[in-house]
Amino acid sequence: MKFLAFSFIVLPFLHAECQKVTKVHSYDQLVSYLGNGADVRYFFNASACMTRTRTASYDEDETPVVGGALNFFSASKDPDSAHIIFSQVRYSDEKPSDLTEEIFTLTVVKDKAALYWGTPGFFVNKTEEPNGVNCDWTKGEGNIWVKDHPNKKQIASLKEIQSLLTSGEKIRWVIYAEDCKCQNGSAGISSNDIIGDTISDFKITKNGSISFSSSMTFMVPLSWRYVRVIVFGHINLNNTVNIRISILDPTTWQDGKDILIMCPIATDSTPKGVRFFSQ
């Protein structure tokens, strides 16, 4: 599999003098930071890495410069299938009569990184081939930065999660599949997989449990097709978390499969489970 490069950078924040910025130099470092709920930011100038991923038409005038926070991601700790995938989705109104969706998928495999981009349309139903570039990000063709939050801590209970969310705090969650129990077998997920995101929207039910969700539409390099992934999370009163991961055709929202897993909330004394971090 060929994957490419990009740069990760922390954007300026208030009180920056109180917050340390650390440059990431390797894949293993990046996986470790993500697994510990780190605040990772990126900036990628595709024109700096002009090794094309395939022979599709390439318009240099449309070469993107993209950046932001690395939020929803999927990764693997397995050396034989090491990868990190995350995606940006935004909407474009360059043609007011044709609202479209722009998708940028970034995939990191060891010292290689890949950026694919395309405009598959609002319903992801356009079949034009995407563009892409390759880079070697560990040799100066990209940068990854992690922002330190001095008050960051791991959260160990539903009650504390609820208190922080209702106070306007950001919370990161990270699932290590090896710490969870699959309710319908292991098909579709490996014990080496890691998935994470930031809770941006949530619902507190009548009994006090919490529901949240995440989604990502990304390009699968080998098959050159788009896939939509939706994660539904439910934090229960007994400090366990039910997770449903739905993998769907983004055009029809059908023909997908669901992965159902159950995990405890990880604590300092019992580190296995879903890890929640305040920032």
C-alpha atoms as a PDB file:
ATOM      1  CA  MET A   1       0.000   0.000   0.000  1.00  0.00           C
ATOM      2  CA  LYS A   2       1.320   3.448  -0.921  1.00  0.00           C
ATOM      3  CA  PHE A   3       0.622   6.255   1.488  1.00  0.00           C
ATOM      4  CA  LEU A   4       1.803   9.817   1.715  1.00  0.00           C
ATOM      5  CA  ALA A   5       2.798  12.901   3.534  1.00  0.00           C
ATOM      6  CA  PHE A   6       1.575  15.987   5.209  1.00  0.00           C
ATOM      7  CA  SER A   7       2.445  18.413   7.941  1.00  0.00           C
ATOM      8  CA  PHE A   8       0.998  18.691  11.408  1.00  0.00           C
ATOM      9  CA  ILE A   9       1.199  21.966  13.252  1.00  0.00           C
ATOM     10  CA  VAL A  10      -0.329  23.435  16.368  1.00  0.00           C
ATOM     11  CA  LEU A  11      -2.199  26.637  15.702  1.00  0.00           C
ATOM     12  CA  PRO A  12      -1.721  29.627  18.029  1.00  0.00           C
ATOM     13  CA  PHE A  13      -3.815  29.692  21.203  1.00  0.00           C
ATOM     14  CA  LEU A  14      -4.370  32.140  24.008  1.00  0.00           C
ATOM     15  CA  HIS A  15      -1.866  31.806  26.840  1.00  0.00           C
ATOM     16  CA  ALA A  16       0.470  29.942  24.501  1.00  0.00           C
ATOM     17  CA  GLU A  17       3.353  30.704  26.856  1.00  0.00           C
ATOM     18  CA  CYS A  18       1.820  28.261  29.344  1.00  0.00           C
ATOM     19  CA  GLN A  19       1.417  25.430  26.847  1.00  0.00           C
ATOM     20  CA  LYS A  20       4.242  23.333  25.510  1.00  0.00           C
ATOM     21  CA  VAL A  21       4.355  22.276  21.876  1.00  0.00           C
ATOM     22  CA  THR A  22       6.092  19.012  20.993  1.00  0.00           C
ATOM     23  CA  LYS A  23       7.099  17.903  17.525  1.00  0.00           C
ATOM     24  CA  VAL A  24       6.341  14.284  16.614  1.00  0.00           C
ATOM     25  CA  HIS A  25       9.087  12.420  14.768  1.00  0.00           C
ATOM     26  CA  SER A  26       7.772   8.880  14.277  1.00  0.00           C
ATOM     27  CA  TYR A  27       4.667   6.791  13.720  1.00  0.00           C
ATOM     28  CA  ASP A  28       5.036   5.044  17.067  1.00  0.00           C
ATOM     29  CA  GLN A  29       5.184   8.421  18.830  1.00  0.00           C
ATOM     30  CA  LEU A  30       2.061   9.600  17.030  1.00  0.00           C
ATOM     31  CA  VAL A  31       0.096   6.446  17.916  1.00  0.00           C
ATOM     32  CA  SER A  32       1.194   6.801  21.553  1.00  0.00           C
ATOM     33  CA  TYR A  33       0.068  10.441  21.717  1.00  0.00           C
ATOM     34  CA  LEU A  34      -3.285   9.685  20.103  1.00  0.00           C
ATOM     35  CA  GLY A  35      -3.824   6.749  22.439  1.00  0.00           C
ATOM     36  CA  ASN A  36      -3.343   9.068  25.400  1.00  0.00           C
ATOM     37  CA  GLY A  37      -5.876  11.638  24.220  1.00  0.00           C
ATOM     38  CA  ALA A  38      -3.359  14.196  22.964  1.00  0.00           C
ATOM     39  CA  ASP A  39      -4.347  17.395  21.161  1.00  0.00           C
ATOM     40  CA  VAL A  40      -2.769  16.925  17.709  1.00  0.00           C
ATOM     41  CA  ARG A  41      -2.875  19.621  15.039  1.00  0.00           C
ATOM     42  CA  TYR A  42      -1.799  19.424  11.405  1.00  0.00           C
ATOM     43  CA  PHE A  43      -1.010  21.603   8.428  1.00  0.00           C
ATOM     44  CA  PHE A  44      -0.371  20.125   5.011  1.00  0.00           C
ATOM     45  CA  ASN A  45       0.752  21.863   1.856  1.00  0.00           C
ATOM     46  CA  ALA A  46       0.277  19.291  -0.892  1.00  0.00           C
ATOM     47  CA  SER A  47       2.467  21.248  -3.315  1.00  0.00           C
ATOM     48  CA  ALA A  48       5.498  20.449  -1.130  1.00  0.00           C
ATOM     49  CA  CYS A  49       5.048  16.747  -1.903  1.00  0.00           C
ATOM     50  CA  MET A  50       4.405  16.332  -5.571  1.00  0.00           C
ATOM     51  CA  THR A  51       4.781  12.561  -5.906  1.00  0.00           C
ATOM     52  CA  ARG A  52       1.417  11.666  -7.353  1.00  0.00           C
ATOM     53  CA  THR A  53      -0.428   8.614  -6.084  1.00  0.00           C
ATOM     54  CA  ARG A  54      -1.688   7.551  -9.505  1.00  0.00           C
ATOM     55  CA  THR A  55      -1.973   8.705 -13.111  1.00  0.00           C
ATOM     56  CA  ALA A  56      -5.271  10.510 -12.752  1.00  0.00           C
ATOM     57  CA  SER A  57      -5.501  14.079 -14.047  1.00  0.00           C
ATOM     58  CA  TYR A  58      -3.746  16.524 -11.772  1.00  0.00           C
ATOM     59  CA  ASP A  59      -4.496  20.244 -11.671  1.00  0.00           C
ATOM     60  CA  GLU A  60      -1.725  22.132  -9.828  1.00  0.00           C
ATOM     61  CA  ASP A  61      -4.013  25.140  -9.482  1.00  0.00           C
ATOM     62  CA  GLU A  62      -6.245  23.021  -7.251  1.00  0.00           C
ATOM     63  CA  THR A  63      -3.480  21.633  -5.046  1.00  0.00           C
ATOM     64  CA  PRO A  64      -4.808  22.060  -1.511  1.00  0.00           C
ATOM     65  CA  VAL A  65      -3.330  23.520   1.628  1.00  0.00           C
ATOM     66  CA  VAL A  66      -5.247  22.028   4.546  1.00  0.00           C
ATOM     67  CA  GLY A  67      -4.944  22.022   8.308  1.00  0.00           C
ATOM     68  CA  GLY A  68      -6.809  21.662  11.547  1.00  0.00           C
ATOM     69  CA  ALA A  69      -7.212  19.391  14.540  1.00  0.00           C
ATOM     70  CA  LEU A  70      -6.856  15.640  14.256  1.00  0.00           C
ATOM     71  CA  ASN A  71     -10.169  14.604  15.776  1.00  0.00           C
ATOM     72  CA  PHE A  72     -11.871  11.380  14.653  1.00  0.00           C
ATOM     73  CA  PHE A  73      -9.227   8.816  13.729  1.00  0.00           C
ATOM     74  CA  SER A  74      -8.731   5.097  13.194  1.00  0.00           C
ATOM     75  CA  ALA A  75      -5.323   3.549  13.815  1.00  0.00           C
ATOM     76  CA  SER A  76      -3.553   0.249  14.314  1.00  0.00           C
ATOM     77  CA  LYS A  77      -0.700  -0.771  16.617  1.00  0.00           C
ATOM     78  CA  ASP A  78       0.054  -3.849  14.496  1.00  0.00           C
ATOM     79  CA  PRO A  79       3.484  -3.389  12.808  1.00  0.00           C
ATOM     80  CA  ASP A  80       2.276  -5.382   9.797  1.00  0.00           C
ATOM     81  CA  SER A  81      -0.768  -3.149   9.183  1.00  0.00           C
ATOM     82  CA  ALA A  82       0.337   0.084  10.843  1.00  0.00           C
ATOM     83  CA  HIS A  83      -1.814   2.979   9.690  1.00  0.00           C
ATOM     84  CA  ILE A  84      -3.634   6.052  10.884  1.00  0.00           C
ATOM     85  CA  ILE A  85      -6.607   7.361   8.898  1.00  0.00           C
ATOM     86  CA  PHE A  86      -8.470  10.600   9.440  1.00  0.00           C
ATOM     87  CA  SER A  87     -10.490  12.852   7.209  1.00  0.00           C
ATOM     88  CA  GLN A  88     -11.671  16.403   6.673  1.00  0.00           C
ATOM     89  CA  VAL A  89     -15.112  17.029   5.238  1.00  0.00           C
ATOM     90  CA  ARG A  90     -16.356  20.470   4.313  1.00  0.00           C
ATOM     91  CA  TYR A  91     -18.943  21.899   1.972  1.00  0.00           C
ATOM     92  CA  SER A  92     -18.274  24.082  -1.037  1.00  0.00           C
ATOM     93  CA  ASP A  93     -20.541  26.564  -2.784  1.00  0.00           C
ATOM     94  CA  GLU A  94     -18.253  27.536  -5.657  1.00  0.00           C
ATOM     95  CA  LYS A  95     -21.271  26.878  -7.850  1.00  0.00           C
ATOM     96  CA  PRO A  96     -24.268  28.167  -5.850  1.00  0.00           C
ATOM     97  CA  SER A  97     -26.615  25.877  -7.754  1.00  0.00           C
ATOM     98  CA  ASP A  98     -24.463  22.823  -7.016  1.00  0.00           C
ATOM     99  CA  LEU A  99     -23.664  22.450  -3.322  1.00  0.00           C
ATOM    100  CA  THR A 100     -20.932  19.867  -3.050  1.00  0.00           C
ATOM    101  CA  GLU A 101     -18.858  18.100  -0.444  1.00  0.00           C
ATOM    102  CA  GLU A 102     -15.065  18.249  -0.368  1.00  0.00           C
ATOM    103  CA  ILE A 103     -13.310  15.309   1.270  1.00  0.00           C
ATOM    104  CA  PHE A 104      -9.646  15.211   2.233  1.00  0.00           C
ATOM    105  CA  THR A 105      -8.414  11.856   3.528  1.00  0.00           C
ATOM    106  CA  LEU A 106      -5.025  11.596   5.197  1.00  0.00           C
ATOM    107  CA  THR A 107      -3.391   8.242   5.814  1.00  0.00           C
ATOM    108  CA  VAL A 108      -0.140   7.744   7.706  1.00  0.00           C
ATOM    109  CA  VAL A 109       1.828   4.519   7.395  1.00  0.00           C
ATOM    110  CA  LYS A 110       5.116   4.657   9.312  1.00  0.00           C
ATOM    111  CA  ASP A 111       7.292   7.344   7.689  1.00  0.00           C
ATOM    112  CA  LYS A 112       4.997   7.723   4.690  1.00  0.00           C
ATOM    113  CA  ALA A 113       1.871   9.839   4.509  1.00  0.00           C
ATOM    114  CA  ALA A 114      -0.825  10.242   1.899  1.00  0.00           C
ATOM    115  CA  LEU A 115      -3.304  12.976   1.117  1.00  0.00           C
ATOM    116  CA  TYR A 116      -6.229  12.209  -1.169  1.00  0.00           C
ATOM    117  CA  TRP A 117      -8.829  14.778  -2.084  1.00  0.00           C
ATOM    118  CA  GLY A 118     -11.908  15.001  -4.227  1.00  0.00           C
ATOM    119  CA  THR A 119     -15.399  16.470  -4.479  1.00  0.00           C
ATOM    120  CA  PRO A 120     -17.731  13.466  -4.623  1.00  0.00           C
ATOM    121  CA  GLY A 121     -20.798  15.656  -4.191  1.00  0.00           C
ATOM    122  CA  PHE A 122     -23.261  16.282  -1.400  1.00  0.00           C
ATOM    123  CA  PHE A 123     -24.548  12.706  -1.659  1.00  0.00           C
ATOM    124  CA  VAL A 124     -21.075  11.265  -2.408  1.00  0.00           C
ATOM    125  CA  ASN A 125     -22.434  10.044  -5.734  1.00  0.00           C
ATOM    126  CA  LYS A 126     -19.874  11.403  -8.199  1.00  0.00           C
ATOM    127  CA  THR A 127     -17.357   8.906  -9.508  1.00  0.00           C
ATOM    128  CA  GLU A 128     -14.546  11.191 -10.690  1.00  0.00           C
ATOM    129  CA  GLU A 129     -11.148   9.906  -9.613  1.00  0.00           C
ATOM    130  CA  PRO A 130      -9.569  11.722  -6.663  1.00  0.00           C
ATOM    131  CA  ASN A 131      -6.177  13.384  -6.666  1.00  0.00           C
ATOM    132  CA  GLY A 132      -3.393  12.554  -4.259  1.00  0.00           C
ATOM    133  CA  VAL A 133       0.228  13.118  -3.267  1.00  0.00           C
ATOM    134  CA  ASN A 134       2.872  11.163  -1.350  1.00  0.00           C
ATOM    135  CA  CYS A 135       5.387  12.495   1.161  1.00  0.00           C
ATOM    136  CA  ASP A 136       8.002  11.343   3.633  1.00  0.00           C
ATOM    137  CA  TRP A 137       6.886  13.331   6.696  1.00  0.00           C
ATOM    138  CA  THR A 138       9.653  12.099   9.023  1.00  0.00           C
ATOM    139  CA  LYS A 139      12.336  13.601   6.767  1.00  0.00           C
ATOM    140  CA  GLY A 140      11.123  17.172   6.694  1.00  0.00           C
ATOM    141  CA  GLU A 141       8.334  16.842   4.144  1.00  0.00           C
ATOM    142  CA  GLY A 142       5.783  17.306   6.877  1.00  0.00           C
ATOM    143  CA  ASN A 143       5.465  18.143  10.557  1.00  0.00           C
ATOM    144  CA  ILE A 144       3.247  16.799  13.324  1.00  0.00           C
ATOM    145  CA  TRP A 145       2.814  18.715  16.539  1.00  0.00           C
ATOM    146  CA  VAL A 146       1.181  17.885  19.852  1.00  0.00           C
ATOM    147  CA  LYS A 147      -0.085  20.619  22.150  1.00  0.00           C
ATOM    148  CA  ASP A 148       0.336  20.017  25.846  1.00  0.00           C
ATOM    149  CA  HIS A 149      -2.566  20.876  28.141  1.00  0.00           C
ATOM    150  CA  PRO A 150      -1.198  21.237  31.698  1.00  0.00           C
ATOM    151  CA  ASN A 151      -4.589  20.507  33.253  1.00  0.00           C
ATOM    152  CA  LYS A 152      -5.323  17.444  31.140  1.00  0.00           C
ATOM    153  CA  LYS A 153      -6.387  14.416  33.156  1.00  0.00           C
ATOM    154  CA  GLN A 154      -7.990  11.039  32.684  1.00  0.00           C
ATOM    155  CA  ILE A 155     -11.654  10.827  33.692  1.00  0.00           C
ATOM    156  CA  ALA A 156     -12.823   7.691  35.435  1.00  0.00           C
ATOM    157  CA  SER A 157     -16.610   7.917  35.872  1.00  0.00           C
ATOM    158  CA  LEU A 158     -19.879   8.858  34.213  1.00  0.00           C
ATOM    159  CA  LYS A 159     -20.548  11.443  36.910  1.00  0.00           C
ATOM    160  CA  GLU A 160     -17.291  13.270  36.223  1.00  0.00           C
ATOM    161  CA  ILE A 161     -17.796  13.100  32.447  1.00  0.00           C
ATOM    162  CA  GLN A 162     -21.274  14.590  32.826  1.00  0.00           C
ATOM    163  CA  SER A 163     -19.998  17.356  35.102  1.00  0.00           C
ATOM    164  CA  LEU A 164     -17.252  18.377  32.665  1.00  0.00           C
ATOM    165  CA  LEU A 165     -19.454  18.236  29.569  1.00  0.00           C
ATOM    166  CA  THR A 166     -22.151  20.392  31.157  1.00  0.00           C
ATOM    167  CA  SER A 167     -19.438  22.881  32.168  1.00  0.00           C
ATOM    168  CA  GLY A 168     -18.352  23.324  28.564  1.00  0.00           C
ATOM    169  CA  GLU A 169     -15.144  21.283  28.808  1.00  0.00           C
ATOM    170  CA  LYS A 170     -13.668  19.309  25.918  1.00  0.00           C
ATOM    171  CA  ILE A 171     -13.401  15.560  26.369  1.00  0.00           C
ATOM    172  CA  ARG A 172     -11.400  13.160  24.229  1.00  0.00           C
ATOM    173  CA  TRP A 173     -12.242   9.455  24.086  1.00  0.00           C
ATOM    174  CA  VAL A 174     -10.032   6.628  22.905  1.00  0.00           C
ATOM    175  CA  ILE A 175     -11.026   2.991  22.404  1.00  0.00           C
ATOM    176  CA  TYR A 176      -8.458   0.206  22.454  1.00  0.00           C
ATOM    177  CA  ALA A 177     -10.273  -2.734  20.855  1.00  0.00           C
ATOM    178  CA  GLU A 178      -8.197  -5.224  22.832  1.00  0.00           C
ATOM    179  CA  ASP A 179      -9.759  -3.857  26.046  1.00  0.00           C
ATOM    180  CA  CYS A 180     -13.318  -4.398  24.850  1.00  0.00           C
ATOM    181  CA  LYS A 181     -15.647  -7.294  24.185  1.00  0.00           C
ATOM    182  CA  CYS A 182     -17.153  -7.697  20.731  1.00  0.00           C
ATOM    183  CA  GLN A 183     -20.842  -8.603  20.942  1.00  0.00           C
ATOM    184  CA  ASN A 184     -21.022 -10.063  17.452  1.00  0.00           C
ATOM    185  CA  GLY A 185     -17.622 -11.649  17.007  1.00  0.00           C
ATOM    186  CA  SER A 186     -14.420  -9.994  15.864  1.00  0.00           C
ATOM    187  CA  ALA A 187     -15.297  -9.472  12.186  1.00  0.00           C
ATOM    188  CA  GLY A 188     -14.469  -5.961  11.047  1.00  0.00           C
ATOM    189  CA  ILE A 189     -12.224  -4.968  13.914  1.00  0.00           C
ATOM    190  CA  SER A 190      -8.798  -6.122  15.080  1.00  0.00           C
ATOM    191  CA  SER A 191      -7.584  -6.289  18.657  1.00  0.00           C
ATOM    192  CA  ASN A 192      -4.805  -3.892  17.575  1.00  0.00           C
ATOM    193  CA  ASP A 193      -7.225  -1.187  16.439  1.00  0.00           C
ATOM    194  CA  ILE A 194      -7.516   2.182  18.172  1.00  0.00           C
ATOM    195  CA  ILE A 195     -10.347   4.646  17.516  1.00  0.00           C
ATOM    196  CA  GLY A 196     -10.783   8.091  19.024  1.00  0.00           C
ATOM    197  CA  ASP A 197     -12.372  11.526  18.761  1.00  0.00           C
ATOM    198  CA  THR A 198     -13.485  14.571  20.743  1.00  0.00           C
ATOM    199  CA  ILE A 199     -17.047  14.701  22.076  1.00  0.00           C
ATOM    200  CA  SER A 200     -18.548  17.740  20.394  1.00  0.00           C
ATOM    201  CA  ASP A 201     -22.268  17.050  20.789  1.00  0.00           C
ATOM    202  CA  PHE A 202     -23.971  14.919  23.406  1.00  0.00           C
ATOM    203  CA  LYS A 203     -27.319  14.015  24.933  1.00  0.00           C
ATOM    204  CA  ILE A 204     -27.997  13.241  28.572  1.00  0.00           C
ATOM    205  CA  THR A 205     -30.941  10.870  28.907  1.00  0.00           C
ATOM    206  CA  LYS A 206     -33.601  10.950  31.607  1.00  0.00           C
ATOM    207  CA  ASN A 207     -31.761   8.383  33.733  1.00  0.00           C
ATOM    208  CA  GLY A 208     -28.467  10.306  33.477  1.00  0.00           C
ATOM    209  CA  SER A 209     -26.616   8.199  30.913  1.00  0.00           C
ATOM    210  CA  ILE A 210     -24.835   9.994  28.045  1.00  0.00           C
ATOM    211  CA  SER A 211     -25.013   9.444  24.289  1.00  0.00           C
ATOM    212  CA  PHE A 212     -22.596  10.843  21.697  1.00  0.00           C
ATOM    213  CA  SER A 213     -21.582  10.113  18.118  1.00  0.00           C
ATOM    214  CA  SER A 214     -18.825  10.660  15.570  1.00  0.00           C
ATOM    215  CA  SER A 215     -18.622  10.233  11.818  1.00  0.00           C
ATOM    216  CA  MET A 216     -16.046  10.248   9.052  1.00  0.00           C
ATOM    217  CA  THR A 217     -16.222   9.807   5.290  1.00  0.00           C
ATOM    218  CA  PHE A 218     -12.903   8.800   3.797  1.00  0.00           C
ATOM    219  CA  MET A 219     -11.264   7.418   0.665  1.00  0.00           C
ATOM    220  CA  VAL A 220     -10.138   3.787   0.673  1.00  0.00           C
ATOM    221  CA  PRO A 221      -6.874   3.839  -1.340  1.00  0.00           C
ATOM    222  CA  LEU A 222      -6.807   0.344  -2.834  1.00  0.00           C
ATOM    223  CA  SER A 223     -10.421   0.249  -4.020  1.00  0.00           C
ATOM    224  CA  TRP A 224     -10.596   4.010  -4.710  1.00  0.00           C
ATOM    225  CA  ARG A 225     -14.031   4.359  -3.191  1.00  0.00           C
ATOM    226  CA  TYR A 226     -15.526   6.380  -0.377  1.00  0.00           C
ATOM    227  CA  VAL A 227     -16.696   4.806   2.882  1.00  0.00           C
ATOM    228  CA  ARG A 228     -18.734   6.361   5.696  1.00  0.00           C
ATOM    229  CA  VAL A 229     -18.008   5.356   9.291  1.00  0.00           C
ATOM    230  CA  ILE A 230     -20.367   6.332  12.122  1.00  0.00           C
ATOM    231  CA  VAL A 231     -19.661   5.633  15.784  1.00  0.00           C
ATOM    232  CA  PHE A 232     -22.505   5.668  18.317  1.00  0.00           C
ATOM    233  CA  GLY A 233     -21.429   5.783  21.959  1.00  0.00           C
ATOM    234  CA  HIS A 234     -23.538   5.321  25.084  1.00  0.00           C
ATOM    235  CA  ILE A 235     -22.040   5.776  28.554  1.00  0.00           C
ATOM    236  CA  ASN A 236     -24.049   3.762  31.054  1.00  0.00           C
ATOM    237  CA  LEU A 237     -24.765   4.397  34.735  1.00  0.00           C
ATOM    238  CA  ASN A 238     -22.570   1.447  35.733  1.00  0.00           C
ATOM    239  CA  ASN A 239     -19.504   3.094  34.114  1.00  0.00           C
ATOM    240  CA  THR A 240     -19.502   0.894  31.027  1.00  0.00           C
ATOM    241  CA  VAL A 241     -19.669   2.104  27.439  1.00  0.00           C
ATOM    242  CA  ASN A 242     -21.583   0.540  24.545  1.00  0.00           C
ATOM    243  CA  ILE A 243     -20.147   1.343  21.122  1.00  0.00           C
ATOM    244  CA  ARG A 244     -21.687   0.639  17.725  1.00  0.00           C
ATOM    245  CA  ILE A 245     -19.464   1.229  14.703  1.00  0.00           C
ATOM    246  CA  SER A 246     -21.429   1.344  11.434  1.00  0.00           C
ATOM    247  CA  ILE A 247     -19.558   1.102   8.135  1.00  0.00           C
ATOM    248  CA  LEU A 248     -21.784   2.287   5.286  1.00  0.00           C
ATOM    249  CA  ASP A 249     -21.891   2.997   1.588  1.00  0.00           C
ATOM    250  CA  PRO A 250     -21.920   6.838   1.650  1.00  0.00           C
ATOM    251  CA  THR A 251     -24.179   7.020  -1.400  1.00  0.00           C
ATOM    252  CA  THR A 252     -26.996   4.777  -0.223  1.00  0.00           C
ATOM    253  CA  TRP A 253     -26.260   4.555   3.532  1.00  0.00           C
ATOM    254  CA  GLN A 254     -26.904   0.836   3.061  1.00  0.00           C
ATOM    255  CA  ASP A 255     -24.995  -2.415   2.553  1.00  0.00           C
ATOM    256  CA  GLY A 256     -23.016  -1.707   5.677  1.00  0.00           C
ATOM    257  CA  LYS A 257     -22.049  -3.721   8.682  1.00  0.00           C
ATOM    258  CA  ASP A 258     -22.253  -2.976  12.382  1.00  0.00           C
ATOM    259  CA  ILE A 259     -19.588  -3.755  14.955  1.00  0.00           C
ATOM    260  CA  LEU A 260     -20.927  -3.861  18.517  1.00  0.00           C
ATOM    261  CA  ILE A 261     -18.526  -3.684  21.432  1.00  0.00           C
ATOM    262  CA  MET A 262     -18.771  -3.120  25.178  1.00  0.00           C
ATOM    263  CA  CYS A 263     -15.999  -1.611  27.293  1.00  0.00           C
ATOM    264  CA  PRO A 264     -15.555  -0.429  30.867  1.00  0.00           C
ATOM    265  CA  ILE A 265     -14.418   3.133  31.530  1.00  0.00           C
ATOM    266  CA  ALA A 266     -10.674   2.925  32.139  1.00  0.00           C
ATOM    267  CA  THR A 267      -9.300   4.153  35.465  1.00  0.00           C
ATOM    268  CA  ASP A 268      -5.815   4.594  36.923  1.00  0.00           C
ATOM    269  CA  SER A 269      -6.153   1.337  38.842  1.00  0.00           C
ATOM    270  CA  THR A 270      -7.905  -0.513  35.988  1.00  0.00           C
ATOM    271  CA  PRO A 271      -6.382   0.942  32.799  1.00  0.00           C
ATOM    272  CA  LYS A 272      -8.272  -1.252  30.329  1.00  0.00           C
ATOM    273  CA  GLY A 273     -11.359   0.141  28.644  1.00  0.00           C
ATOM    274  CA  VAL A 274     -12.474   3.379  26.979  1.00  0.00           C
ATOM    275  CA  ARG A 275     -10.210   6.196  28.049  1.00  0.00           C
ATOM    276  CA  PHE A 276     -11.699   9.653  28.555  1.00  0.00           C
ATOM    277  CA  PHE A 277      -9.495  12.728  28.885  1.00  0.00           C
ATOM    278  CA  SER A 278     -10.334  16.325  29.737  1.00  0.00           C
ATOM    279  CA  GLN A 279      -8.449  19.123  27.962  1.00  0.00           C
END
